[in-house]
Amino acid sequence: MRIVKRISLFAGMCLGVLAFGAAMSHLRPTPQAAYEGFCSEDVPEALLMDPLIMCGRRVVPIVLANIRDSGMPKRIYAIGFLGNGRYREALPALREVLNRGYEDEQVRRCALESIWMIDDQEGARTSKDFLGRSDLLGETAREIQCARHSPRRRTYWDALMMLQ
């Protein structure tokens, strides 16, 4: 009788694990679906990077393949996603965007902030190059140097709680 109870308990636990896995796969879209949702969804600004956050590291290669294109939809939020997730592999692309003098000031500011979010020491070193500027990029650089810059990180759970 004890063996039957143990087998039943084990079978129940296995079914629970399978059900949990199925639920989680629904909540973690494919990288391509996450990127397409990010580009096409019309949601409040605070939620724009949620499709990317929900997919996580798996969507990073797709974002990196598109981040250098100045015509990319919602590009600032894609750049922010890379910093928010602390994806070190994004640093070369972020440096490139930051150092393009012809880029929009907001895009460059977001690239600097993302570099700092990924590696605060590199962000502090890099921000020194922009301290003399009187625009938003210079302001962000000064905030980083004075340790007053603290953007809020959006988590997987934040994104999950906003699903409807």
N, C-alpha and C. Protein backbone atom coordinates (compact mmCIF):
# COMPACT_ATOMS: atom_id res chain seq x y z
N MET A 1 0.82 -1.20 0.00
CA MET A 1 0.00 0.00 0.00
C MET A 1 0.87 1.26 0.00
N ARG A 2 1.94 1.24 0.77
CA ARG A 2 2.84 2.40 0.81
C ARG A 2 3.42 2.70 -0.56
N ILE A 3 3.76 1.67 -1.30
CA ILE A 3 4.34 1.85 -2.64
C ILE A 3 3.34 2.52 -3.56
N VAL A 4 2.08 2.13 -3.48
CA VAL A 4 1.04 2.72 -4.32
C VAL A 4 0.90 4.21 -3.99
N LYS A 5 0.93 4.56 -2.70
CA LYS A 5 0.83 5.97 -2.30
C LYS A 5 2.03 6.76 -2.83
N ARG A 6 3.20 6.17 -2.71
CA ARG A 6 4.40 6.87 -3.19
C ARG A 6 4.37 7.05 -4.70
N ILE A 7 3.94 6.03 -5.40
CA ILE A 7 3.84 6.14 -6.86
C ILE A 7 2.80 7.19 -7.23
N SER A 8 1.68 7.22 -6.54
CA SER A 8 0.63 8.22 -6.80
C SER A 8 1.15 9.63 -6.52
N LEU A 9 1.85 9.77 -5.41
CA LEU A 9 2.42 11.07 -5.07
C LEU A 9 3.43 11.52 -6.12
N PHE A 10 4.28 10.58 -6.52
CA PHE A 10 5.29 10.89 -7.55
C PHE A 10 4.61 11.27 -8.87
N ALA A 11 3.59 10.53 -9.27
CA ALA A 11 2.87 10.83 -10.51
C ALA A 11 2.20 12.20 -10.43
N GLY A 12 1.63 12.51 -9.29
CA GLY A 12 1.01 13.82 -9.11
C GLY A 12 2.02 14.95 -9.21
N MET A 13 3.18 14.74 -8.61
CA MET A 13 4.24 15.76 -8.69
C MET A 13 4.71 15.93 -10.12
N CYS A 14 4.84 14.83 -10.86
CA CYS A 14 5.26 14.92 -12.26
C CYS A 14 4.25 15.69 -13.08
N LEU A 15 2.97 15.43 -12.86
CA LEU A 15 1.93 16.17 -13.59
C LEU A 15 1.98 17.66 -13.24
N GLY A 16 2.22 17.95 -11.99
CA GLY A 16 2.34 19.35 -11.57
C GLY A 16 3.50 20.05 -12.25
N VAL A 17 4.64 19.38 -12.33
CA VAL A 17 5.81 19.95 -13.00
C VAL A 17 5.52 20.17 -14.47
N LEU A 18 4.86 19.20 -15.12
CA LEU A 18 4.51 19.34 -16.53
C LEU A 18 3.54 20.51 -16.75
N ALA A 19 2.56 20.64 -15.88
CA ALA A 19 1.60 21.75 -15.99
C ALA A 19 2.30 23.09 -15.80
N PHE A 20 3.21 23.15 -14.84
CA PHE A 20 3.96 24.38 -14.60
C PHE A 20 4.81 24.73 -15.82
N GLY A 21 5.47 23.72 -16.40
CA GLY A 21 6.28 23.94 -17.60
C GLY A 21 5.45 24.44 -18.76
N ALA A 22 4.26 23.88 -18.93
CA ALA A 22 3.38 24.33 -20.02
C ALA A 22 2.95 25.78 -19.79
N ALA A 23 2.63 26.12 -18.55
CA ALA A 23 2.24 27.50 -18.25
C ALA A 23 3.39 28.46 -18.50
N MET A 24 4.59 28.08 -18.10
CA MET A 24 5.74 28.95 -18.29
C MET A 24 6.08 29.13 -19.77
N SER A 25 5.91 28.07 -20.58
CA SER A 25 6.22 28.22 -22.00
C SER A 25 5.24 29.18 -22.65
N HIS A 26 4.02 29.25 -22.15
CA HIS A 26 3.05 30.23 -22.66
C HIS A 26 3.49 31.65 -22.31
N LEU A 27 4.11 31.81 -21.14
CA LEU A 27 4.52 33.13 -20.70
C LEU A 27 5.87 33.56 -21.28
N ARG A 28 6.59 32.66 -21.92
CA ARG A 28 7.88 32.97 -22.52
C ARG A 28 7.77 32.78 -24.03
N PRO A 29 7.44 33.82 -24.76
CA PRO A 29 7.27 33.69 -26.21
C PRO A 29 8.60 33.36 -26.89
N THR A 30 8.51 32.94 -28.14
CA THR A 30 9.73 32.71 -28.91
C THR A 30 10.42 34.05 -29.10
N PRO A 31 11.72 34.05 -29.32
CA PRO A 31 12.42 35.32 -29.53
C PRO A 31 11.83 36.14 -30.69
N GLN A 32 11.52 35.50 -31.79
CA GLN A 32 10.98 36.24 -32.93
C GLN A 32 9.60 36.83 -32.60
N ALA A 33 8.75 36.05 -31.91
CA ALA A 33 7.43 36.55 -31.52
C ALA A 33 7.56 37.72 -30.54
N ALA A 34 8.51 37.62 -29.63
CA ALA A 34 8.72 38.70 -28.67
C ALA A 34 9.16 39.98 -29.38
N TYR A 35 10.09 39.83 -30.33
CA TYR A 35 10.59 41.00 -31.05
C TYR A 35 9.48 41.61 -31.91
N GLU A 36 8.71 40.79 -32.59
CA GLU A 36 7.60 41.30 -33.41
C GLU A 36 6.55 41.98 -32.55
N GLY A 37 6.26 41.40 -31.38
CA GLY A 37 5.32 42.03 -30.46
C GLY A 37 5.84 43.38 -29.97
N PHE A 38 7.11 43.43 -29.68
CA PHE A 38 7.75 44.68 -29.25
C PHE A 38 7.60 45.75 -30.32
N CYS A 39 7.86 45.39 -31.58
CA CYS A 39 7.82 46.36 -32.68
C CYS A 39 6.41 46.81 -33.01
N SER A 40 5.42 45.95 -32.80
CA SER A 40 4.08 46.27 -33.29
C SER A 40 3.07 46.67 -32.23
N GLU A 41 3.27 46.28 -30.99
CA GLU A 41 2.26 46.55 -29.97
C GLU A 41 2.19 48.03 -29.63
N ASP A 42 0.97 48.48 -29.41
CA ASP A 42 0.74 49.86 -29.00
C ASP A 42 0.32 49.83 -27.53
N VAL A 43 1.29 50.04 -26.65
CA VAL A 43 1.05 49.97 -25.21
C VAL A 43 1.58 51.23 -24.55
N PRO A 44 1.19 51.48 -23.30
CA PRO A 44 1.75 52.64 -22.59
C PRO A 44 3.27 52.58 -22.54
N GLU A 45 3.89 53.74 -22.50
CA GLU A 45 5.35 53.84 -22.55
C GLU A 45 6.05 52.97 -21.51
N ALA A 46 5.53 52.93 -20.31
CA ALA A 46 6.17 52.17 -19.23
C ALA A 46 6.23 50.67 -19.52
N LEU A 47 5.42 50.19 -20.45
CA LEU A 47 5.35 48.76 -20.74
C LEU A 47 6.01 48.38 -22.06
N LEU A 48 6.62 49.32 -22.75
CA LEU A 48 7.11 49.06 -24.09
C LEU A 48 8.15 47.95 -24.18
N MET A 49 9.01 47.82 -23.21
CA MET A 49 10.03 46.77 -23.32
C MET A 49 9.58 45.43 -22.75
N ASP A 50 8.36 45.34 -22.24
CA ASP A 50 7.89 44.11 -21.62
C ASP A 50 7.95 42.87 -22.52
N PRO A 51 7.58 42.94 -23.80
CA PRO A 51 7.70 41.73 -24.63
C PRO A 51 9.14 41.21 -24.69
N LEU A 52 10.10 42.12 -24.70
CA LEU A 52 11.51 41.72 -24.71
C LEU A 52 11.92 41.15 -23.36
N ILE A 53 11.48 41.78 -22.29
CA ILE A 53 11.80 41.30 -20.95
C ILE A 53 11.22 39.91 -20.73
N MET A 54 10.01 39.69 -21.21
CA MET A 54 9.37 38.39 -21.03
C MET A 54 10.16 37.28 -21.74
N CYS A 55 10.80 37.60 -22.83
CA CYS A 55 11.58 36.61 -23.56
C CYS A 55 13.00 36.49 -23.00
N GLY A 56 13.53 37.59 -22.50
CA GLY A 56 14.83 37.56 -21.85
C GLY A 56 16.00 37.42 -22.81
N ARG A 57 17.02 36.74 -22.35
CA ARG A 57 18.28 36.61 -23.07
C ARG A 57 18.11 36.04 -24.47
N ARG A 58 17.08 35.23 -24.68
CA ARG A 58 16.90 34.58 -25.99
C ARG A 58 16.64 35.58 -27.12
N VAL A 59 16.12 36.77 -26.80
CA VAL A 59 15.81 37.75 -27.83
C VAL A 59 16.97 38.72 -28.07
N VAL A 60 17.98 38.69 -27.22
CA VAL A 60 19.10 39.62 -27.34
C VAL A 60 19.77 39.58 -28.72
N PRO A 61 20.05 38.41 -29.31
CA PRO A 61 20.67 38.43 -30.65
C PRO A 61 19.83 39.16 -31.71
N ILE A 62 18.52 39.03 -31.63
CA ILE A 62 17.64 39.72 -32.59
C ILE A 62 17.71 41.23 -32.36
N VAL A 63 17.66 41.64 -31.10
CA VAL A 63 17.75 43.07 -30.79
C VAL A 63 19.10 43.61 -31.25
N LEU A 64 20.17 42.89 -30.97
CA LEU A 64 21.51 43.35 -31.37
C LEU A 64 21.65 43.43 -32.89
N ALA A 65 20.98 42.55 -33.60
CA ALA A 65 21.06 42.58 -35.06
C ALA A 65 20.37 43.80 -35.64
N ASN A 66 19.47 44.42 -34.87
CA ASN A 66 18.69 45.56 -35.37
C ASN A 66 19.03 46.89 -34.73
N ILE A 67 19.75 46.89 -33.64
CA ILE A 67 19.97 48.09 -32.82
C ILE A 67 20.76 49.19 -33.54
N ARG A 68 21.59 48.81 -34.47
CA ARG A 68 22.42 49.80 -35.18
C ARG A 68 21.63 50.54 -36.27
N ASP A 69 20.44 50.03 -36.60
CA ASP A 69 19.60 50.62 -37.63
C ASP A 69 18.81 51.78 -37.03
N SER A 70 19.08 52.99 -37.49
CA SER A 70 18.41 54.16 -36.92
C SER A 70 16.91 54.17 -37.22
N GLY A 71 16.45 53.32 -38.14
CA GLY A 71 15.03 53.24 -38.45
C GLY A 71 14.29 52.18 -37.64
N MET A 72 14.99 51.54 -36.72
CA MET A 72 14.36 50.49 -35.91
C MET A 72 13.22 51.07 -35.09
N PRO A 73 12.03 50.43 -35.10
CA PRO A 73 10.93 50.92 -34.27
C PRO A 73 11.27 50.82 -32.78
N LYS A 74 10.88 51.82 -32.04
CA LYS A 74 11.04 51.82 -30.58
C LYS A 74 12.48 51.55 -30.15
N ARG A 75 13.39 52.07 -30.91
CA ARG A 75 14.82 51.79 -30.71
C ARG A 75 15.32 52.15 -29.31
N ILE A 76 14.87 53.27 -28.79
CA ILE A 76 15.31 53.69 -27.45
C ILE A 76 14.94 52.63 -26.42
N TYR A 77 13.77 52.03 -26.57
CA TYR A 77 13.34 51.03 -25.60
C TYR A 77 14.10 49.72 -25.77
N ALA A 78 14.50 49.42 -27.00
CA ALA A 78 15.34 48.24 -27.24
C ALA A 78 16.71 48.44 -26.60
N ILE A 79 17.26 49.64 -26.73
CA ILE A 79 18.54 49.97 -26.10
C ILE A 79 18.39 49.89 -24.58
N GLY A 80 17.30 50.42 -24.07
CA GLY A 80 17.02 50.35 -22.64
C GLY A 80 16.88 48.92 -22.14
N PHE A 81 16.25 48.07 -22.94
CA PHE A 81 16.12 46.65 -22.58
C PHE A 81 17.48 46.01 -22.38
N LEU A 82 18.43 46.32 -23.25
CA LEU A 82 19.76 45.73 -23.15
C LEU A 82 20.44 46.13 -21.84
N GLY A 83 20.30 47.40 -21.46
CA GLY A 83 20.87 47.85 -20.19
C GLY A 83 20.11 47.29 -19.01
N ASN A 84 18.80 47.29 -19.12
CA ASN A 84 17.94 46.79 -18.05
C ASN A 84 18.28 45.34 -17.70
N GLY A 85 18.56 44.54 -18.72
CA GLY A 85 18.87 43.13 -18.50
C GLY A 85 20.33 42.86 -18.23
N ARG A 86 21.15 43.90 -18.27
CA ARG A 86 22.60 43.78 -18.02
C ARG A 86 23.26 42.77 -18.97
N TYR A 87 22.94 42.87 -20.24
CA TYR A 87 23.48 41.95 -21.23
C TYR A 87 24.84 42.46 -21.71
N ARG A 88 25.89 41.90 -21.15
CA ARG A 88 27.27 42.35 -21.45
C ARG A 88 27.60 42.26 -22.93
N GLU A 89 27.03 41.28 -23.63
CA GLU A 89 27.32 41.13 -25.05
C GLU A 89 26.82 42.32 -25.87
N ALA A 90 26.01 43.17 -25.26
CA ALA A 90 25.49 44.36 -25.95
C ALA A 90 26.46 45.54 -25.90
N LEU A 91 27.48 45.47 -25.06
CA LEU A 91 28.37 46.63 -24.88
C LEU A 91 28.99 47.14 -26.18
N PRO A 92 29.53 46.31 -27.06
CA PRO A 92 30.11 46.86 -28.30
C PRO A 92 29.08 47.63 -29.15
N ALA A 93 27.88 47.10 -29.29
CA ALA A 93 26.85 47.78 -30.07
C ALA A 93 26.43 49.08 -29.40
N LEU A 94 26.33 49.07 -28.07
CA LEU A 94 25.95 50.28 -27.34
C LEU A 94 27.03 51.35 -27.46
N ARG A 95 28.29 50.95 -27.39
CA ARG A 95 29.39 51.90 -27.56
C ARG A 95 29.33 52.53 -28.95
N GLU A 96 29.07 51.69 -29.95
CA GLU A 96 29.00 52.19 -31.32
C GLU A 96 27.88 53.22 -31.48
N VAL A 97 26.71 52.93 -30.94
CA VAL A 97 25.58 53.87 -31.02
C VAL A 97 25.93 55.16 -30.28
N LEU A 98 26.49 55.03 -29.09
CA LEU A 98 26.85 56.20 -28.29
C LEU A 98 27.85 57.10 -29.01
N ASN A 99 28.81 56.51 -29.68
CA ASN A 99 29.89 57.29 -30.30
C ASN A 99 29.56 57.82 -31.69
N ARG A 100 28.39 57.55 -32.19
CA ARG A 100 27.96 58.12 -33.47
C ARG A 100 27.45 59.53 -33.23
N GLY A 101 28.22 60.50 -33.66
CA GLY A 101 27.85 61.89 -33.44
C GLY A 101 26.56 62.31 -34.10
N TYR A 102 26.16 61.62 -35.15
CA TYR A 102 24.95 62.00 -35.88
C TYR A 102 23.67 61.40 -35.28
N GLU A 103 23.82 60.53 -34.29
CA GLU A 103 22.64 59.91 -33.67
C GLU A 103 21.86 60.94 -32.86
N ASP A 104 20.58 60.69 -32.72
CA ASP A 104 19.71 61.52 -31.90
C ASP A 104 20.24 61.54 -30.46
N GLU A 105 20.15 62.69 -29.83
CA GLU A 105 20.65 62.86 -28.46
C GLU A 105 20.00 61.89 -27.48
N GLN A 106 18.70 61.65 -27.63
CA GLN A 106 17.99 60.72 -26.74
C GLN A 106 18.52 59.29 -26.89
N VAL A 107 18.79 58.89 -28.12
CA VAL A 107 19.31 57.55 -28.39
C VAL A 107 20.70 57.40 -27.76
N ARG A 108 21.53 58.40 -27.92
CA ARG A 108 22.88 58.35 -27.35
C ARG A 108 22.83 58.37 -25.83
N ARG A 109 21.94 59.16 -25.26
CA ARG A 109 21.78 59.21 -23.81
C ARG A 109 21.36 57.83 -23.28
N CYS A 110 20.43 57.19 -23.97
CA CYS A 110 19.97 55.87 -23.56
C CYS A 110 21.09 54.84 -23.68
N ALA A 111 21.92 54.95 -24.72
CA ALA A 111 23.05 54.04 -24.88
C ALA A 111 24.04 54.22 -23.72
N LEU A 112 24.33 55.46 -23.33
CA LEU A 112 25.22 55.71 -22.20
C LEU A 112 24.63 55.13 -20.92
N GLU A 113 23.36 55.38 -20.69
CA GLU A 113 22.71 54.85 -19.50
C GLU A 113 22.75 53.32 -19.49
N SER A 114 22.53 52.69 -20.63
CA SER A 114 22.56 51.23 -20.70
C SER A 114 23.95 50.68 -20.44
N ILE A 115 24.96 51.35 -20.97
CA ILE A 115 26.34 50.94 -20.68
C ILE A 115 26.58 50.99 -19.18
N TRP A 116 26.14 52.06 -18.56
CA TRP A 116 26.31 52.23 -17.12
C TRP A 116 25.54 51.16 -16.33
N MET A 117 24.33 50.82 -16.81
CA MET A 117 23.54 49.81 -16.11
C MET A 117 24.18 48.42 -16.21
N ILE A 118 24.86 48.16 -17.32
CA ILE A 118 25.53 46.86 -17.51
C ILE A 118 26.82 46.81 -16.70
N ASP A 119 27.60 47.89 -16.75
CA ASP A 119 28.91 47.92 -16.08
C ASP A 119 29.11 49.34 -15.58
N ASP A 120 28.84 49.56 -14.31
CA ASP A 120 28.87 50.93 -13.78
C ASP A 120 30.26 51.56 -13.88
N GLN A 121 31.32 50.77 -13.78
CA GLN A 121 32.67 51.35 -13.91
C GLN A 121 32.94 51.80 -15.34
N GLU A 122 32.58 50.97 -16.31
CA GLU A 122 32.75 51.39 -17.70
C GLU A 122 31.85 52.59 -18.01
N GLY A 123 30.64 52.58 -17.48
CA GLY A 123 29.74 53.70 -17.69
C GLY A 123 30.30 54.99 -17.12
N ALA A 124 30.92 54.91 -15.95
CA ALA A 124 31.53 56.09 -15.33
C ALA A 124 32.71 56.60 -16.16
N ARG A 125 33.56 55.66 -16.65
CA ARG A 125 34.69 56.07 -17.50
C ARG A 125 34.19 56.70 -18.80
N THR A 126 33.22 56.06 -19.42
CA THR A 126 32.71 56.54 -20.70
C THR A 126 32.01 57.88 -20.56
N SER A 127 31.31 58.07 -19.46
CA SER A 127 30.54 59.31 -19.28
C SER A 127 31.45 60.54 -19.19
N LYS A 128 32.71 60.37 -18.81
CA LYS A 128 33.65 61.50 -18.73
C LYS A 128 33.81 62.21 -20.06
N ASP A 129 33.65 61.47 -21.16
CA ASP A 129 33.79 62.07 -22.50
C ASP A 129 32.67 63.04 -22.83
N PHE A 130 31.59 63.03 -22.05
CA PHE A 130 30.41 63.84 -22.39
C PHE A 130 30.07 64.88 -21.32
N LEU A 131 30.95 65.05 -20.34
CA LEU A 131 30.67 65.97 -19.24
C LEU A 131 30.53 67.42 -19.69
N GLY A 132 31.24 67.82 -20.73
CA GLY A 132 31.21 69.21 -21.17
C GLY A 132 29.99 69.58 -22.00
N ARG A 133 29.17 68.63 -22.31
CA ARG A 133 27.99 68.91 -23.14
C ARG A 133 26.90 69.57 -22.30
N SER A 134 26.13 70.43 -22.93
CA SER A 134 25.05 71.12 -22.21
C SER A 134 23.68 70.50 -22.49
N ASP A 135 23.66 69.38 -23.18
CA ASP A 135 22.38 68.74 -23.52
C ASP A 135 22.06 67.60 -22.56
N LEU A 136 21.05 66.82 -22.90
CA LEU A 136 20.62 65.71 -22.06
C LEU A 136 21.70 64.65 -21.89
N LEU A 137 22.49 64.43 -22.92
CA LEU A 137 23.60 63.47 -22.83
C LEU A 137 24.62 63.94 -21.78
N GLY A 138 24.94 65.22 -21.78
CA GLY A 138 25.85 65.77 -20.78
C GLY A 138 25.26 65.71 -19.38
N GLU A 139 23.98 65.97 -19.28
CA GLU A 139 23.31 65.90 -17.98
C GLU A 139 23.36 64.48 -17.41
N THR A 140 23.11 63.49 -18.27
CA THR A 140 23.17 62.09 -17.83
C THR A 140 24.60 61.74 -17.42
N ALA A 141 25.58 62.20 -18.18
CA ALA A 141 26.98 61.94 -17.84
C ALA A 141 27.32 62.52 -16.47
N ARG A 142 26.87 63.74 -16.21
CA ARG A 142 27.14 64.36 -14.90
C ARG A 142 26.44 63.61 -13.77
N GLU A 143 25.22 63.14 -14.00
CA GLU A 143 24.52 62.37 -12.97
C GLU A 143 25.25 61.06 -12.67
N ILE A 144 25.78 60.43 -13.72
CA ILE A 144 26.54 59.19 -13.51
C ILE A 144 27.80 59.49 -12.71
N GLN A 145 28.50 60.57 -13.04
CA GLN A 145 29.73 60.93 -12.33
C GLN A 145 29.47 61.27 -10.87
N CYS A 146 28.34 61.87 -10.58
CA CYS A 146 28.01 62.27 -9.20
C CYS A 146 27.26 61.17 -8.45
N ALA A 147 27.11 60.02 -9.08
CA ALA A 147 26.39 58.88 -8.49
C ALA A 147 24.95 59.24 -8.13
N ARG A 148 24.36 60.14 -8.91
CA ARG A 148 22.95 60.50 -8.69
C ARG A 148 22.04 59.83 -9.69
N HIS A 149 22.60 59.10 -10.61
CA HIS A 149 21.80 58.50 -11.67
C HIS A 149 21.35 57.12 -11.22
N SER A 150 20.05 56.90 -11.14
CA SER A 150 19.55 55.59 -10.69
C SER A 150 18.24 55.25 -11.40
N PRO A 151 18.34 54.85 -12.66
CA PRO A 151 17.12 54.45 -13.37
C PRO A 151 16.52 53.19 -12.75
N ARG A 152 15.22 53.10 -12.77
CA ARG A 152 14.55 51.92 -12.21
C ARG A 152 14.66 50.76 -13.19
N ARG A 153 15.03 49.61 -12.67
CA ARG A 153 15.10 48.41 -13.50
C ARG A 153 13.72 47.76 -13.52
N ARG A 154 13.30 47.35 -14.69
CA ARG A 154 12.03 46.65 -14.85
C ARG A 154 12.35 45.15 -14.88
N THR A 155 11.67 44.37 -14.06
CA THR A 155 11.97 42.95 -13.93
C THR A 155 10.99 42.10 -14.74
N TYR A 156 11.32 40.84 -14.85
CA TYR A 156 10.42 39.88 -15.48
C TYR A 156 9.08 39.89 -14.75
N TRP A 157 9.12 39.96 -13.41
CA TRP A 157 7.89 39.93 -12.62
C TRP A 157 7.08 41.19 -12.83
N ASP A 158 7.73 42.34 -13.00
CA ASP A 158 6.99 43.56 -13.33
C ASP A 158 6.22 43.36 -14.63
N ALA A 159 6.92 42.82 -15.63
CA ALA A 159 6.29 42.60 -16.94
C ALA A 159 5.17 41.56 -16.82
N LEU A 160 5.42 40.51 -16.07
CA LEU A 160 4.42 39.45 -15.91
C LEU A 160 3.15 39.97 -15.23
N MET A 161 3.30 40.83 -14.25
CA MET A 161 2.15 41.36 -13.53
C MET A 161 1.28 42.25 -14.41
N MET A 162 1.84 42.78 -15.49
CA MET A 162 1.07 43.67 -16.37
C MET A 162 0.35 42.92 -17.48
N LEU A 163 0.57 41.59 -17.59
CA LEU A 163 -0.15 40.80 -18.59
C LEU A 163 -1.64 40.82 -18.26
N GLN A 164 -2.43 40.89 -19.29
CA GLN A 164 -3.88 40.87 -19.03
C GLN A 164 -4.54 39.79 -19.81
